[in-house]
Amino acid sequence: MSTTADAIRSADAHSAHNYHPLPLVVASAEGAWMTDVEGRRYLDMLAGYSALNFGHGNRRLLDAARAQLERVTLTSRAFHHDRFADFCSELAALCGKEMVLPMNTGAEAVETAVKTARKWGYEVKGVPDGHAKIVVAADNFHGRTTTVVSFSTDHDARDHFGPYTPGFEIVPYGDLTALAHAVTENTVAVLLEPIQGEAGVLVPPAGYLSGVRELTRERNVLFMADEIQSGLGRTGRTFACEHEGVVPDVYILGKALGGGVVPVSAVVADRDVLGVFRPGQHGSTFGGNPLACAVGLEVIAMLRTGEFQGRATELGEHLHRELNLLIGGGAVTAVRGRGLWAGVDIDPSRGTGREISEKLMELGVLVKDTHGSTIRIAPPLVISKEDLDWGLDQLRSVLGA
């Protein structure tokens, strides 16, 4: 068995350095806990950026995957398979929509949504061909494809990857007035995260999402909600938009839809939106494959019980109550988020977000930093209150609070 140092050295030598992982090497995981190659256990307080909402090695999801592995895993969309229709109909029903376009990764789903909005704009709204505009928010994170980084304001994600894709207007997040000014007769969609995850778990001002919904409806513009991180139980509701009673025209889903087992993503909308596609105009060899559909169907069934939304609500209230007690003590300057999802701004005098993350790792707790002084906390929704409290105790210890 390789030691941690050996494994990290090999990874550094043979893989592109597009990530800066914490210095541990995971060998196994179950529930909210992970074990490294040397047998040390860690409490996972990141959950794969919400891809592991249902925990590591969830029995229901593994059983669904195993059963499908014995039958058929891939057909491509050249043929029908017996899990596809059920997956699409059940996911559409969960979203209160009519149609589903399955893909694999979140970035693919965002690209699919962009193509959908443009095609809808030309064929339904009547925007002149080649003139479609999509309004997005500053500090967004929707993936790292060339089109998506074209409207990123993160220099690390964007710089030196041009020439960039035109057709996007960037406005401040949470500013309805700026959004209203940016929407023109050629605007086909507004693309937003209901809560900005990578930016530090930024929750928009109360009334913002409902205001976006009203504005887009008045201007005949699609409201596309990127719920890849915020959706599927993370905030205490199935979708973060529900906190303001908002139903967007388009849901963009990923991460937890695959249960931490396989990559599954989807764009979900009504027929008057997704119905613009014809055969050959968009696709994916693996999108909507039998294995993905089997796992996705089990995820949908688990969400229908309301158990995970309830856990995120109850434990989330506890999490935020405890984190907010740290504000004003010289260690934490701000806490944001909803449900089992929090962005914690660390006072620079206590260290950078990376330094705090590394100190927590040494104590057996895994979180991840973003934007210098912020750490993100997003444990699997299956975490116990006792484990959550233990993790918070380690944070207090590191901060000297």
Protein backbone atom coordinates (compact mmCIF):
# COMPACT_ATOMS: atom_id res chain seq x y z
CA MET A 1 0.00 0.00 0.00
CA SER A 2 1.33 3.44 -0.92
CA THR A 3 1.97 5.95 1.81
CA THR A 4 0.30 9.35 1.65
CA ALA A 5 3.54 11.00 0.58
CA ASP A 6 4.16 8.40 -2.17
CA ALA A 7 0.64 8.75 -3.57
CA ILE A 8 0.78 12.55 -3.59
CA ARG A 9 4.22 12.54 -5.18
CA SER A 10 2.99 10.21 -7.95
CA ALA A 11 -0.12 12.31 -8.54
CA ASP A 12 1.95 15.48 -8.79
CA ALA A 13 4.28 13.83 -11.28
CA HIS A 14 1.67 12.38 -13.62
CA SER A 15 -1.46 14.56 -13.45
CA ALA A 16 -2.11 18.11 -14.56
CA HIS A 17 -2.06 20.54 -11.64
CA ASN A 18 -5.57 21.89 -12.14
CA TYR A 19 -6.47 21.31 -8.47
CA HIS A 20 -4.71 21.99 -5.18
CA PRO A 21 -6.03 19.17 -2.98
CA LEU A 22 -5.51 18.95 0.75
CA PRO A 23 -2.59 16.61 1.49
CA LEU A 24 -4.45 13.39 2.24
CA VAL A 25 -5.21 10.33 0.12
CA VAL A 26 -8.64 8.77 0.60
CA ALA A 27 -8.93 4.99 0.35
CA SER A 28 -12.47 4.29 1.55
CA ALA A 29 -15.56 6.08 2.85
CA GLU A 30 -18.93 5.43 4.46
CA GLY A 31 -21.67 7.82 5.48
CA ALA A 32 -20.05 11.08 6.56
CA TRP A 33 -16.61 9.57 7.18
CA MET A 34 -13.59 8.93 4.97
CA THR A 35 -10.47 6.85 5.68
CA ASP A 36 -7.06 7.53 4.16
CA VAL A 37 -4.43 5.06 2.90
CA GLU A 38 -2.83 4.96 6.34
CA GLY A 39 -6.07 4.19 8.16
CA ARG A 40 -6.82 7.61 9.60
CA ARG A 41 -10.48 8.68 9.62
CA TYR A 42 -11.81 12.10 8.68
CA LEU A 43 -15.24 13.69 9.01
CA ASP A 44 -16.29 14.85 5.54
CA MET A 45 -17.73 18.35 5.88
CA LEU A 46 -17.61 19.08 2.14
CA ALA A 47 -19.55 16.17 0.57
CA GLY A 48 -17.96 16.52 -2.84
CA TYR A 49 -19.32 20.06 -3.22
CA SER A 50 -22.84 18.61 -2.63
CA ALA A 51 -22.41 15.62 -4.95
CA LEU A 52 -22.56 13.40 -1.84
CA ASN A 53 -25.73 14.74 -0.24
CA PHE A 54 -26.77 11.18 0.63
CA GLY A 55 -23.40 10.21 2.04
CA HIS A 56 -20.63 7.91 0.95
CA GLY A 57 -21.62 4.39 0.01
CA ASN A 58 -25.35 4.89 0.53
CA ARG A 59 -26.83 1.38 0.58
CA ARG A 60 -29.93 2.23 -1.42
CA LEU A 61 -27.91 3.87 -4.16
CA LEU A 62 -25.26 1.14 -4.29
CA ASP A 63 -27.96 -1.54 -4.45
CA ALA A 64 -29.64 0.27 -7.33
CA ALA A 65 -26.30 0.57 -9.14
CA ARG A 66 -25.36 -3.08 -8.55
CA ALA A 67 -28.69 -4.34 -9.84
CA GLN A 68 -28.31 -2.27 -13.00
CA LEU A 69 -24.66 -3.27 -13.47
CA GLU A 70 -25.82 -6.86 -13.85
CA ARG A 71 -28.28 -5.92 -16.61
CA VAL A 72 -27.01 -3.17 -18.94
CA THR A 73 -24.92 -0.05 -18.33
CA LEU A 74 -24.78 1.73 -21.69
CA THR A 75 -26.74 1.67 -24.93
CA SER A 76 -26.08 5.22 -26.21
CA ARG A 77 -29.14 7.16 -27.28
CA ALA A 78 -29.16 5.25 -30.58
CA PHE A 79 -31.61 2.91 -28.82
CA HIS A 80 -34.27 3.14 -26.14
CA HIS A 81 -33.61 1.40 -22.82
CA ASP A 82 -36.02 0.42 -20.09
CA ARG A 83 -34.91 2.94 -17.43
CA PHE A 84 -34.90 6.09 -19.55
CA ALA A 85 -38.60 6.90 -19.71
CA ASP A 86 -39.09 6.37 -15.97
CA PHE A 87 -36.11 8.56 -15.11
CA CYS A 88 -37.30 11.40 -17.33
CA SER A 89 -40.91 11.24 -16.18
CA GLU A 90 -40.03 11.00 -12.47
CA LEU A 91 -37.49 13.83 -12.61
CA ALA A 92 -39.91 16.01 -14.58
CA ALA A 93 -42.58 15.36 -11.96
CA LEU A 94 -40.18 16.17 -9.10
CA CYS A 95 -39.50 19.52 -10.76
CA GLY A 96 -43.11 20.17 -11.76
CA LYS A 97 -42.06 20.30 -15.41
CA GLU A 98 -42.80 18.34 -18.58
CA MET A 99 -39.49 17.40 -20.19
CA VAL A 100 -35.94 16.37 -19.28
CA LEU A 101 -32.72 16.49 -21.27
CA PRO A 102 -30.19 14.26 -19.45
CA MET A 103 -26.45 14.85 -19.58
CA ASN A 104 -23.52 13.84 -17.38
CA THR A 105 -21.71 16.70 -15.64
CA GLY A 106 -22.91 20.02 -14.30
CA ALA A 107 -20.88 21.95 -16.85
CA GLU A 108 -22.52 19.95 -19.66
CA ALA A 109 -25.92 20.78 -18.22
CA VAL A 110 -25.09 24.50 -18.17
CA GLU A 111 -23.86 24.33 -21.77
CA THR A 112 -27.09 22.53 -22.67
CA ALA A 113 -29.14 25.25 -20.95
CA VAL A 114 -27.27 27.96 -22.88
CA LYS A 115 -28.00 26.20 -26.17
CA THR A 116 -31.62 25.69 -25.13
CA ALA A 117 -32.11 29.37 -24.30
CA ARG A 118 -30.57 30.55 -27.54
CA LYS A 119 -32.60 28.16 -29.69
CA TRP A 120 -35.79 29.08 -27.81
CA GLY A 121 -34.95 32.75 -28.29
CA TYR A 122 -34.59 32.39 -32.06
CA GLU A 123 -37.43 29.97 -32.73
CA VAL A 124 -40.02 30.99 -30.13
CA LYS A 125 -39.30 34.54 -28.99
CA GLY A 126 -38.17 35.72 -32.42
CA VAL A 127 -34.76 37.20 -31.59
CA PRO A 128 -32.71 37.76 -34.79
CA ASP A 129 -30.31 34.88 -35.39
CA GLY A 130 -26.92 35.46 -33.79
CA HIS A 131 -28.11 38.26 -31.49
CA ALA A 132 -29.25 36.34 -28.39
CA LYS A 133 -28.06 37.65 -25.02
CA ILE A 134 -28.01 35.86 -21.67
CA VAL A 135 -27.71 37.87 -18.45
CA VAL A 136 -25.55 36.33 -15.72
CA ALA A 137 -24.31 37.40 -12.29
CA ALA A 138 -20.84 38.48 -11.26
CA ASP A 139 -18.93 35.99 -9.09
CA ASN A 140 -20.87 33.15 -10.67
CA PHE A 141 -19.63 29.60 -10.97
CA HIS A 142 -21.29 27.46 -13.64
CA GLY A 143 -18.36 25.27 -14.69
CA ARG A 144 -15.13 25.63 -16.61
CA THR A 145 -15.88 25.05 -20.29
CA THR A 146 -14.72 27.70 -22.74
CA THR A 147 -18.22 29.13 -23.08
CA VAL A 148 -18.84 29.19 -19.34
CA VAL A 149 -15.53 30.85 -18.45
CA SER A 150 -16.35 33.48 -21.04
CA PHE A 151 -18.80 34.96 -18.53
CA SER A 152 -16.81 34.22 -15.37
CA THR A 153 -15.39 37.04 -13.26
CA ASP A 154 -12.88 34.70 -11.61
CA HIS A 155 -9.47 35.44 -13.12
CA ASP A 156 -8.11 31.96 -12.37
CA ALA A 157 -11.00 30.38 -14.26
CA ARG A 158 -11.00 32.85 -17.15
CA ASP A 159 -7.57 34.28 -17.88
CA HIS A 160 -5.63 32.96 -20.90
CA PHE A 161 -8.46 30.75 -22.18
CA GLY A 162 -9.74 33.16 -24.84
CA PRO A 163 -10.95 34.04 -27.35
CA TYR A 164 -14.18 34.12 -25.41
CA THR A 165 -17.72 33.29 -26.41
CA PRO A 166 -19.85 36.43 -26.87
CA GLY A 167 -23.50 36.85 -25.95
CA PHE A 168 -23.39 37.35 -22.17
CA GLU A 169 -24.08 40.38 -19.98
CA ILE A 170 -22.70 40.37 -16.43
CA VAL A 171 -24.50 42.25 -13.62
CA PRO A 172 -23.94 42.36 -9.84
CA TYR A 173 -25.51 39.43 -7.98
CA GLY A 174 -28.53 40.43 -5.96
CA ASP A 175 -29.10 43.73 -7.80
CA LEU A 176 -32.55 43.73 -9.40
CA THR A 177 -32.17 47.23 -10.79
CA ALA A 178 -28.99 46.34 -12.65
CA LEU A 179 -30.65 43.19 -13.94
CA ALA A 180 -33.66 45.11 -15.23
CA HIS A 181 -31.39 47.56 -17.09
CA ALA A 182 -29.43 44.70 -18.67
CA VAL A 183 -32.49 42.93 -20.13
CA THR A 184 -33.22 44.02 -23.71
CA GLU A 185 -35.43 42.77 -26.54
CA ASN A 186 -32.61 40.37 -27.49
CA THR A 187 -32.27 38.86 -24.01
CA VAL A 188 -33.31 35.21 -24.07
CA ALA A 189 -32.49 34.17 -20.51
CA VAL A 190 -31.27 35.10 -17.07
CA LEU A 191 -28.93 32.43 -15.67
CA LEU A 192 -28.38 32.49 -11.90
CA GLU A 193 -27.38 30.35 -8.94
CA PRO A 194 -30.10 30.72 -6.28
CA ILE A 195 -27.19 30.65 -3.82
CA GLN A 196 -23.68 31.26 -5.13
CA GLY A 197 -21.60 28.35 -3.84
CA GLU A 198 -18.07 28.90 -5.13
CA ALA A 199 -18.30 32.60 -4.29
CA GLY A 200 -18.58 31.70 -0.61
CA VAL A 201 -22.19 30.48 -0.19
CA LEU A 202 -23.71 33.89 -0.96
CA VAL A 203 -27.44 34.10 -0.28
CA PRO A 204 -29.14 36.87 -2.28
CA PRO A 205 -31.23 39.55 -0.57
CA ALA A 206 -34.77 38.57 0.39
CA GLY A 207 -37.11 39.07 -2.55
CA TYR A 208 -34.37 38.91 -5.16
CA LEU A 209 -35.31 35.56 -6.69
CA SER A 210 -39.01 36.39 -6.71
CA GLY A 211 -38.12 39.72 -8.31
CA VAL A 212 -36.11 37.94 -11.00
CA ARG A 213 -39.06 35.64 -11.61
CA GLU A 214 -41.45 38.56 -12.01
CA LEU A 215 -39.09 40.51 -14.26
CA THR A 216 -38.33 37.59 -16.57
CA ARG A 217 -42.00 36.74 -16.89
CA GLU A 218 -42.87 40.35 -17.77
CA ARG A 219 -40.07 40.60 -20.36
CA ASN A 220 -40.63 37.17 -21.96
CA VAL A 221 -37.22 35.93 -20.84
CA LEU A 222 -36.35 32.48 -19.49
CA PHE A 223 -35.31 32.26 -15.83
CA MET A 224 -32.70 29.46 -15.65
CA ALA A 225 -31.77 28.38 -12.12
CA ASP A 226 -28.46 26.58 -11.70
CA GLU A 227 -29.35 24.27 -8.79
CA ILE A 228 -26.35 21.99 -9.34
CA GLN A 229 -24.95 22.69 -5.86
CA SER A 230 -27.94 24.26 -4.13
CA GLY A 231 -30.54 21.70 -5.20
CA LEU A 232 -31.73 18.27 -4.16
CA GLY A 233 -32.09 18.81 -0.43
CA ARG A 234 -28.95 20.78 0.44
CA THR A 235 -30.73 23.92 1.71
CA GLY A 236 -33.65 22.18 3.43
CA ARG A 237 -35.87 22.24 0.37
CA THR A 238 -35.69 20.14 -2.76
CA PHE A 239 -34.65 23.29 -4.63
CA ALA A 240 -33.19 26.48 -3.15
CA CYS A 241 -35.63 28.53 -5.26
CA GLU A 242 -38.46 27.18 -3.08
CA HIS A 243 -37.35 29.38 -0.20
CA GLU A 244 -38.94 32.28 -2.10
CA GLY A 245 -41.75 30.27 -3.64
CA VAL A 246 -40.13 30.60 -7.07
CA VAL A 247 -40.41 28.13 -9.93
CA PRO A 248 -37.92 28.96 -12.72
CA ASP A 249 -38.52 28.14 -16.36
CA VAL A 250 -35.45 25.90 -16.43
CA TYR A 251 -33.81 23.84 -13.70
CA ILE A 252 -30.15 22.91 -14.21
CA LEU A 253 -29.30 19.89 -12.06
CA GLY A 254 -26.23 17.76 -11.39
CA LYS A 255 -23.94 16.63 -8.56
CA ALA A 256 -26.32 14.95 -6.05
CA LEU A 257 -28.53 13.68 -8.90
CA GLY A 258 -25.90 10.97 -9.37
CA GLY A 259 -25.85 10.13 -5.67
CA GLY A 260 -22.06 10.26 -5.53
CA VAL A 261 -22.03 7.07 -7.60
CA VAL A 262 -22.02 8.18 -11.23
CA PRO A 263 -22.06 11.61 -12.95
CA VAL A 264 -25.66 12.55 -13.78
CA SER A 265 -26.97 15.96 -14.81
CA ALA A 266 -30.06 17.27 -16.52
CA VAL A 267 -31.88 20.29 -17.84
CA VAL A 268 -35.56 20.24 -16.89
CA ALA A 269 -38.22 22.51 -18.39
CA ASP A 270 -41.64 22.52 -20.01
CA ARG A 271 -42.33 21.35 -23.55
CA ASP A 272 -42.47 24.87 -24.97
CA VAL A 273 -38.80 25.28 -24.00
CA LEU A 274 -37.11 21.89 -24.40
CA GLY A 275 -39.39 21.04 -27.30
CA VAL A 276 -37.21 23.19 -29.58
CA PHE A 277 -34.66 20.38 -30.03
CA ARG A 278 -34.79 18.03 -32.98
CA PRO A 279 -32.73 14.84 -33.53
CA GLY A 280 -29.07 15.57 -34.19
CA GLN A 281 -29.09 19.07 -32.65
CA HIS A 282 -27.73 18.08 -29.22
CA GLY A 283 -26.69 14.89 -27.49
CA SER A 284 -24.30 12.81 -25.43
CA THR A 285 -23.14 9.20 -25.74
CA PHE A 286 -23.38 8.68 -21.99
CA GLY A 287 -26.20 11.13 -21.20
CA GLY A 288 -29.21 9.27 -19.84
CA ASN A 289 -27.42 5.90 -19.81
CA PRO A 290 -29.10 2.96 -18.01
CA LEU A 291 -26.77 3.02 -15.00
CA ALA A 292 -27.20 6.76 -14.57
CA CYS A 293 -30.96 6.48 -14.86
CA ALA A 294 -31.13 3.67 -12.32
CA VAL A 295 -29.16 5.66 -9.75
CA GLY A 296 -31.02 8.86 -10.57
CA LEU A 297 -34.37 7.14 -10.09
CA GLU A 298 -33.32 6.03 -6.61
CA VAL A 299 -32.18 9.58 -5.78
CA ILE A 300 -35.59 10.90 -6.84
CA ALA A 301 -37.35 8.26 -4.72
CA MET A 302 -35.26 9.25 -1.69
CA LEU A 303 -36.03 12.93 -2.18
CA ARG A 304 -39.76 12.22 -2.38
CA THR A 305 -39.74 11.04 1.26
CA GLY A 306 -38.76 14.52 2.47
CA GLU A 307 -36.35 12.91 4.96
CA PHE A 308 -33.24 14.58 3.64
CA GLN A 309 -34.81 18.00 3.25
CA GLY A 310 -35.99 17.69 6.86
CA ARG A 311 -32.54 16.71 8.10
CA ALA A 312 -30.96 19.63 6.24
CA THR A 313 -33.48 22.00 7.81
CA GLU A 314 -33.10 20.74 11.37
CA LEU A 315 -29.35 20.21 11.40
CA GLY A 316 -28.85 23.34 9.32
CA GLU A 317 -30.54 25.49 11.93
CA HIS A 318 -28.24 23.98 14.54
CA LEU A 319 -25.16 24.48 12.33
CA HIS A 320 -25.88 28.14 11.67
CA ARG A 321 -26.79 28.83 15.28
CA GLU A 322 -23.44 27.46 16.44
CA LEU A 323 -21.45 29.17 13.69
CA ASN A 324 -23.06 32.54 14.36
CA LEU A 325 -21.91 32.32 17.97
CA LEU A 326 -18.36 32.60 16.64
CA ILE A 327 -18.98 36.01 15.08
CA GLY A 328 -17.58 38.91 17.05
CA GLY A 329 -15.09 36.86 19.03
CA GLY A 330 -12.19 37.78 16.81
CA ALA A 331 -12.17 34.54 14.84
CA VAL A 332 -15.13 34.70 12.42
CA THR A 333 -16.32 37.85 10.68
CA ALA A 334 -19.40 36.52 8.85
CA VAL A 335 -21.46 33.37 8.26
CA ARG A 336 -23.79 32.82 5.31
CA GLY A 337 -25.88 30.00 3.92
CA ARG A 338 -29.00 27.90 4.22
CA GLY A 339 -29.63 24.40 5.48
CA LEU A 340 -26.52 22.24 5.79
CA TRP A 341 -24.47 24.70 3.77
CA ALA A 342 -22.37 27.53 5.15
CA GLY A 343 -19.69 29.95 4.07
CA VAL A 344 -17.57 31.07 7.01
CA ASP A 345 -15.34 34.13 6.68
CA ILE A 346 -12.25 33.75 8.85
CA ASP A 347 -10.59 36.78 10.42
CA PRO A 348 -7.28 37.10 8.52
CA SER A 349 -5.43 37.29 11.84
CA ARG A 350 -6.35 33.62 12.42
CA GLY A 351 -5.06 32.46 9.04
CA THR A 352 -6.16 32.01 5.46
CA GLY A 353 -8.97 29.69 4.49
CA ARG A 354 -6.38 27.21 3.22
CA GLU A 355 -4.44 27.31 6.48
CA ILE A 356 -7.60 26.77 8.53
CA SER A 357 -8.60 23.88 6.25
CA GLU A 358 -5.20 22.23 6.73
CA LYS A 359 -5.36 22.64 10.51
CA LEU A 360 -8.83 21.10 10.54
CA MET A 361 -7.55 18.22 8.42
CA GLU A 362 -4.89 17.54 11.06
CA LEU A 363 -7.71 17.22 13.61
CA GLY A 364 -9.72 14.90 11.34
CA VAL A 365 -12.20 17.31 9.72
CA LEU A 366 -12.31 18.05 6.00
CA VAL A 367 -13.54 21.38 4.62
CA LYS A 368 -12.32 23.48 1.69
CA ASP A 369 -11.37 27.10 1.29
CA THR A 370 -12.47 29.60 -1.33
CA HIS A 371 -11.64 33.24 -2.05
CA GLY A 372 -8.77 33.49 0.39
CA SER A 373 -10.34 33.77 3.83
CA THR A 374 -13.53 31.73 3.47
CA ILE A 375 -14.15 28.07 4.27
CA ARG A 376 -17.16 26.14 3.02
CA ILE A 377 -19.04 23.68 5.20
CA ALA A 378 -21.43 21.26 3.48
CA PRO A 379 -21.54 17.84 5.18
CA PRO A 380 -23.55 14.93 3.79
CA LEU A 381 -27.19 15.24 4.79
CA VAL A 382 -26.90 11.89 6.58
CA ILE A 383 -24.44 13.28 9.16
CA SER A 384 -25.47 12.74 12.77
CA LYS A 385 -25.89 15.66 15.16
CA GLU A 386 -23.15 14.17 17.32
CA ASP A 387 -20.68 14.07 14.44
CA LEU A 388 -21.65 17.57 13.35
CA ASP A 389 -21.04 18.86 16.87
CA TRP A 390 -17.68 17.09 17.01
CA GLY A 391 -16.69 18.76 13.74
CA LEU A 392 -17.74 22.15 15.10
CA ASP A 393 -15.69 21.52 18.24
CA GLN A 394 -12.61 21.00 16.07
CA LEU A 395 -13.33 24.28 14.26
CA ARG A 396 -13.58 26.09 17.59
CA SER A 397 -10.28 24.52 18.65
CA VAL A 398 -8.51 25.62 15.47
CA LEU A 399 -9.87 29.16 15.78
CA GLY A 400 -9.12 29.35 19.47
CA ALA A 401 -12.75 30.24 20.06
